[in-house]
Amino acid sequence: QHNLLVRSASMSRLKKANAAIQAGSAAEAEQAVAQAISALDRAARKGVLHENNVARRKSRMMTKLNRLKAAPATA
């Protein structure tokens, strides 16, 4: 049950970060991504999520965030 709470919290933060990235606000997205990374790292440290799974999710999230940040500069 404890693992379920940790997993649920990290997945909720991940969804909020992805929603912020989709909304297009770089400042909000950056803050949400930082919170999501923290939650994912906590889950990996506790053994709830596998380290490679967390690394993959963080990498994909950062790629999306970096794309969002770069978009206004090129437009």
N, C-alpha and C. Protein backbone atom coordinates (compact mmCIF):
# COMPACT_ATOMS: atom_id res chain seq x y z
N GLN A 1 0.82 -1.19 0.00
CA GLN A 1 0.00 0.00 0.00
C GLN A 1 0.87 1.25 0.00
N HIS A 2 1.96 1.21 0.73
CA HIS A 2 2.85 2.36 0.78
C HIS A 2 3.46 2.61 -0.59
N ASN A 3 3.86 1.54 -1.28
CA ASN A 3 4.43 1.68 -2.61
C ASN A 3 3.42 2.29 -3.57
N LEU A 4 2.16 1.92 -3.41
CA LEU A 4 1.11 2.46 -4.29
C LEU A 4 0.99 3.97 -4.10
N LEU A 5 1.11 4.45 -2.88
CA LEU A 5 1.05 5.88 -2.61
C LEU A 5 2.21 6.62 -3.27
N VAL A 6 3.40 6.05 -3.16
CA VAL A 6 4.58 6.68 -3.74
C VAL A 6 4.47 6.69 -5.26
N ARG A 7 4.05 5.58 -5.84
CA ARG A 7 3.90 5.48 -7.29
C ARG A 7 2.83 6.46 -7.79
N SER A 8 1.72 6.52 -7.09
CA SER A 8 0.63 7.40 -7.48
C SER A 8 1.06 8.86 -7.43
N ALA A 9 1.77 9.23 -6.40
CA ALA A 9 2.24 10.62 -6.27
C ALA A 9 3.20 10.98 -7.40
N SER A 10 4.11 10.08 -7.72
CA SER A 10 5.08 10.38 -8.78
C SER A 10 4.40 10.43 -10.14
N MET A 11 3.44 9.57 -10.39
CA MET A 11 2.72 9.59 -11.66
C MET A 11 1.85 10.83 -11.79
N SER A 12 1.28 11.28 -10.68
CA SER A 12 0.47 12.51 -10.71
C SER A 12 1.35 13.71 -11.06
N ARG A 13 2.53 13.79 -10.45
CA ARG A 13 3.44 14.88 -10.76
C ARG A 13 3.89 14.83 -12.22
N LEU A 14 4.09 13.61 -12.72
CA LEU A 14 4.50 13.43 -14.11
C LEU A 14 3.41 13.92 -15.06
N LYS A 15 2.17 13.58 -14.76
CA LYS A 15 1.05 14.03 -15.60
C LYS A 15 0.91 15.55 -15.57
N LYS A 16 1.08 16.15 -14.39
CA LYS A 16 0.99 17.61 -14.28
C LYS A 16 2.10 18.27 -15.08
N ALA A 17 3.29 17.70 -15.06
CA ALA A 17 4.41 18.26 -15.82
C ALA A 17 4.14 18.17 -17.31
N ASN A 18 3.64 17.03 -17.76
CA ASN A 18 3.33 16.88 -19.18
C ASN A 18 2.21 17.82 -19.61
N ALA A 19 1.23 18.03 -18.74
CA ALA A 19 0.14 18.96 -19.04
C ALA A 19 0.67 20.39 -19.14
N ALA A 20 1.58 20.75 -18.26
CA ALA A 20 2.17 22.10 -18.29
C ALA A 20 2.98 22.31 -19.56
N ILE A 21 3.68 21.27 -19.99
CA ILE A 21 4.46 21.36 -21.22
C ILE A 21 3.51 21.53 -22.41
N GLN A 22 2.42 20.77 -22.42
CA GLN A 22 1.44 20.87 -23.50
C GLN A 22 0.78 22.24 -23.53
N ALA A 23 0.59 22.85 -22.35
CA ALA A 23 -0.04 24.17 -22.28
C ALA A 23 0.85 25.24 -22.90
N GLY A 24 2.15 25.03 -22.90
CA GLY A 24 3.05 25.94 -23.58
C GLY A 24 3.70 27.00 -22.71
N SER A 25 3.44 26.99 -21.43
CA SER A 25 4.05 27.97 -20.53
C SER A 25 5.38 27.42 -20.01
N ALA A 26 6.47 27.99 -20.48
CA ALA A 26 7.79 27.46 -20.15
C ALA A 26 8.10 27.59 -18.66
N ALA A 27 7.71 28.70 -18.04
CA ALA A 27 8.03 28.91 -16.62
C ALA A 27 7.29 27.90 -15.75
N GLU A 28 6.00 27.74 -16.00
CA GLU A 28 5.22 26.77 -15.22
C GLU A 28 5.70 25.35 -15.49
N ALA A 29 6.00 25.07 -16.74
CA ALA A 29 6.45 23.74 -17.12
C ALA A 29 7.77 23.40 -16.43
N GLU A 30 8.65 24.36 -16.36
CA GLU A 30 9.96 24.12 -15.74
C GLU A 30 9.80 23.77 -14.25
N GLN A 31 8.91 24.48 -13.58
CA GLN A 31 8.67 24.20 -12.16
C GLN A 31 8.02 22.84 -11.99
N ALA A 32 7.05 22.52 -12.84
CA ALA A 32 6.36 21.23 -12.75
C ALA A 32 7.31 20.07 -13.04
N VAL A 33 8.20 20.27 -14.00
CA VAL A 33 9.18 19.24 -14.35
C VAL A 33 10.14 19.00 -13.18
N ALA A 34 10.55 20.05 -12.52
CA ALA A 34 11.45 19.90 -11.37
C ALA A 34 10.77 19.08 -10.26
N GLN A 35 9.50 19.34 -10.03
CA GLN A 35 8.76 18.58 -9.01
C GLN A 35 8.59 17.13 -9.44
N ALA A 36 8.34 16.90 -10.72
CA ALA A 36 8.16 15.54 -11.22
C ALA A 36 9.47 14.76 -11.11
N ILE A 37 10.57 15.39 -11.44
CA ILE A 37 11.87 14.72 -11.35
C ILE A 37 12.16 14.34 -9.91
N SER A 38 11.86 15.24 -8.99
CA SER A 38 12.07 14.96 -7.58
C SER A 38 11.24 13.76 -7.13
N ALA A 39 9.98 13.72 -7.53
CA ALA A 39 9.10 12.62 -7.15
C ALA A 39 9.56 11.30 -7.76
N LEU A 40 9.99 11.35 -9.02
CA LEU A 40 10.48 10.13 -9.68
C LEU A 40 11.75 9.62 -9.02
N ASP A 41 12.66 10.53 -8.71
CA ASP A 41 13.90 10.12 -8.03
C ASP A 41 13.60 9.51 -6.67
N ARG A 42 12.62 10.07 -5.96
CA ARG A 42 12.24 9.54 -4.65
C ARG A 42 11.70 8.12 -4.81
N ALA A 43 10.87 7.90 -5.83
CA ALA A 43 10.31 6.57 -6.07
C ALA A 43 11.41 5.56 -6.42
N ALA A 44 12.39 6.00 -7.20
CA ALA A 44 13.49 5.11 -7.57
C ALA A 44 14.35 4.78 -6.35
N ARG A 45 14.59 5.78 -5.51
CA ARG A 45 15.40 5.57 -4.31
C ARG A 45 14.74 4.59 -3.37
N LYS A 46 13.41 4.60 -3.31
CA LYS A 46 12.68 3.70 -2.43
C LYS A 46 12.46 2.33 -3.07
N GLY A 47 12.81 2.20 -4.35
CA GLY A 47 12.66 0.92 -5.01
C GLY A 47 11.27 0.67 -5.56
N VAL A 48 10.44 1.69 -5.61
CA VAL A 48 9.08 1.54 -6.11
C VAL A 48 9.09 1.46 -7.64
N LEU A 49 9.91 2.31 -8.26
CA LEU A 49 10.09 2.28 -9.71
C LEU A 49 11.54 1.91 -10.01
N HIS A 50 11.74 1.22 -11.11
CA HIS A 50 13.09 0.82 -11.50
C HIS A 50 13.88 2.05 -11.95
N GLU A 51 15.16 2.06 -11.65
CA GLU A 51 16.01 3.21 -11.98
C GLU A 51 16.01 3.53 -13.46
N ASN A 52 16.05 2.50 -14.30
CA ASN A 52 16.06 2.73 -15.75
C ASN A 52 14.72 3.31 -16.22
N ASN A 53 13.64 2.87 -15.62
CA ASN A 53 12.31 3.39 -15.95
C ASN A 53 12.26 4.88 -15.62
N VAL A 54 12.77 5.24 -14.47
CA VAL A 54 12.78 6.64 -14.04
C VAL A 54 13.67 7.46 -14.98
N ALA A 55 14.82 6.93 -15.32
CA ALA A 55 15.74 7.65 -16.21
C ALA A 55 15.10 7.89 -17.57
N ARG A 56 14.41 6.90 -18.09
CA ARG A 56 13.74 7.04 -19.38
C ARG A 56 12.65 8.11 -19.32
N ARG A 57 11.84 8.09 -18.27
CA ARG A 57 10.77 9.08 -18.13
C ARG A 57 11.33 10.49 -18.00
N LYS A 58 12.39 10.64 -17.21
CA LYS A 58 13.01 11.95 -17.03
C LYS A 58 13.59 12.46 -18.34
N SER A 59 14.22 11.58 -19.09
CA SER A 59 14.82 11.95 -20.35
C SER A 59 13.76 12.43 -21.34
N ARG A 60 12.68 11.71 -21.45
CA ARG A 60 11.61 12.09 -22.37
C ARG A 60 10.98 13.42 -21.96
N MET A 61 10.81 13.60 -20.66
CA MET A 61 10.21 14.83 -20.16
C MET A 61 11.13 16.03 -20.43
N MET A 62 12.42 15.86 -20.21
CA MET A 62 13.36 16.94 -20.45
C MET A 62 13.46 17.27 -21.94
N THR A 63 13.35 16.27 -22.79
CA THR A 63 13.37 16.50 -24.23
C THR A 63 12.19 17.37 -24.63
N LYS A 64 11.01 17.06 -24.10
CA LYS A 64 9.82 17.86 -24.39
C LYS A 64 9.98 19.29 -23.87
N LEU A 65 10.52 19.43 -22.66
CA LEU A 65 10.71 20.75 -22.08
C LEU A 65 11.71 21.56 -22.91
N ASN A 66 12.80 20.96 -23.31
CA ASN A 66 13.79 21.65 -24.11
C ASN A 66 13.24 22.07 -25.47
N ARG A 67 12.37 21.23 -26.04
CA ARG A 67 11.71 21.58 -27.30
C ARG A 67 10.82 22.80 -27.10
N LEU A 68 10.11 22.83 -25.97
CA LEU A 68 9.23 23.95 -25.66
C LEU A 68 10.05 25.24 -25.49
N LYS A 69 11.17 25.17 -24.81
CA LYS A 69 12.00 26.34 -24.59
C LYS A 69 12.61 26.84 -25.90
N ALA A 70 12.96 25.94 -26.79
CA ALA A 70 13.61 26.31 -28.05
C ALA A 70 12.61 26.84 -29.07
N ALA A 71 11.36 26.49 -28.96
CA ALA A 71 10.35 26.87 -29.95
C ALA A 71 10.21 28.39 -30.10
N PRO A 72 10.09 29.17 -29.03
CA PRO A 72 9.95 30.62 -29.21
C PRO A 72 11.18 31.28 -29.85
N ALA A 73 12.35 30.73 -29.60
CA ALA A 73 13.58 31.31 -30.13
C ALA A 73 13.65 31.18 -31.65
N THR A 74 13.13 30.07 -32.18
CA THR A 74 13.20 29.85 -33.62
C THR A 74 12.01 30.45 -34.34
N ALA A 75 10.93 30.72 -33.64
CA ALA A 75 9.71 31.23 -34.29
C ALA A 75 9.77 32.71 -34.53
